[in-house]
Amino acid sequence: MFDRSKIDLVDFKEFCLGLAIICLGGSHNKIRFVFDLFDEKKKALLDKKEQLKMLKAASIILMAQHGDAVRSQWINHQVA
């Protein structure tokens, strides 16, 4: 992700630039960063496998942050 020189290694400068994008970047930069994380084939497209990985990661984060509320909504949805 941070390997701008394309040598399969990340130096300190690349690491710091990557963290700056995550921490200080605008919404577009953050969304692009997350997309690039899941675009394993670097085709600027997410195939079904990559999409499923992204959704699984998002659900794990959602449950970690809002687990009780999500569970409650899921139960209410199933009962309705």
Protein backbone atom coordinates (compact mmCIF):
# COMPACT_ATOMS: atom_id res chain seq x y z
CA MET A 1 0.00 0.00 0.00
CA PHE A 2 2.65 2.47 0.97
CA ASP A 3 5.24 1.16 -1.48
CA ARG A 4 5.38 4.11 -3.89
CA SER A 5 8.73 2.98 -5.33
CA LYS A 6 7.24 -0.41 -6.33
CA ILE A 7 10.12 -2.47 -4.92
CA ASP A 8 7.97 -4.51 -2.48
CA LEU A 9 9.56 -2.70 0.44
CA VAL A 10 8.34 0.32 2.40
CA ASP A 11 10.88 2.83 3.65
CA PHE A 12 10.27 5.22 6.54
CA LYS A 13 9.26 8.12 4.27
CA GLU A 14 6.68 6.00 2.42
CA PHE A 15 5.33 4.71 5.73
CA CYS A 16 4.92 8.25 7.09
CA LEU A 17 3.27 9.47 3.89
CA GLY A 18 0.83 6.57 4.05
CA LEU A 19 -0.05 7.29 7.66
CA ALA A 20 -0.54 10.96 6.82
CA ILE A 21 -3.09 10.02 4.17
CA ILE A 22 -4.97 7.86 6.66
CA CYS A 23 -4.87 10.35 9.52
CA LEU A 24 -4.93 13.74 7.81
CA GLY A 25 -6.33 13.12 4.34
CA GLY A 26 -9.76 14.13 3.19
CA SER A 27 -12.62 11.72 2.68
CA HIS A 28 -11.70 11.01 -0.95
CA ASN A 29 -8.13 10.05 0.00
CA LYS A 30 -9.33 7.81 2.82
CA ILE A 31 -11.88 6.07 0.61
CA ARG A 32 -9.27 5.58 -2.12
CA PHE A 33 -6.86 4.13 0.47
CA VAL A 34 -9.44 1.61 1.66
CA PHE A 35 -10.39 0.69 -1.91
CA ASP A 36 -6.73 0.15 -2.79
CA LEU A 37 -6.33 -2.10 0.26
CA PHE A 38 -8.90 -4.51 -1.16
CA ASP A 39 -7.91 -4.16 -4.84
CA GLU A 40 -5.44 -7.04 -4.60
CA LYS A 41 -4.99 -7.38 -8.37
CA LYS A 42 -4.46 -3.61 -8.80
CA LYS A 43 -6.96 -3.42 -11.66
CA ALA A 44 -8.95 -0.49 -10.19
CA LEU A 45 -11.84 -2.94 -9.88
CA LEU A 46 -12.95 -5.20 -7.05
CA ASP A 47 -13.90 -8.72 -8.06
CA LYS A 48 -16.45 -10.73 -6.07
CA LYS A 49 -13.80 -12.23 -3.76
CA GLU A 50 -12.35 -8.78 -3.00
CA GLN A 51 -15.82 -7.35 -2.39
CA LEU A 52 -16.63 -10.13 0.06
CA LYS A 53 -13.38 -9.48 1.93
CA MET A 54 -14.25 -5.79 2.13
CA LEU A 55 -17.77 -6.48 3.40
CA LYS A 56 -16.48 -8.97 5.97
CA ALA A 57 -13.94 -6.43 7.25
CA ALA A 58 -16.62 -3.72 7.40
CA SER A 59 -18.98 -6.00 9.34
CA ILE A 60 -16.24 -6.85 11.85
CA ILE A 61 -15.56 -3.15 12.41
CA LEU A 62 -19.28 -2.37 12.67
CA MET A 63 -19.82 -5.12 15.23
CA ALA A 64 -16.80 -4.02 17.25
CA GLN A 65 -18.03 -0.43 17.39
CA HIS A 66 -21.80 -0.90 17.58
CA GLY A 67 -22.33 -4.57 18.38
CA ASP A 68 -25.35 -4.32 20.65
CA ALA A 69 -27.25 -1.92 18.38
CA VAL A 70 -26.48 -4.01 15.29
CA ARG A 71 -27.55 -7.23 17.01
CA SER A 72 -30.78 -5.59 18.16
CA GLN A 73 -31.60 -4.34 14.66
CA TRP A 74 -30.76 -7.75 13.17
CA ILE A 75 -33.07 -9.51 15.62
CA ASN A 76 -35.87 -7.02 14.99
CA HIS A 77 -35.42 -7.46 11.22
CA GLN A 78 -35.56 -11.27 11.51
CA VAL A 79 -38.70 -11.20 13.65
CA ALA A 80 -40.59 -8.71 11.43
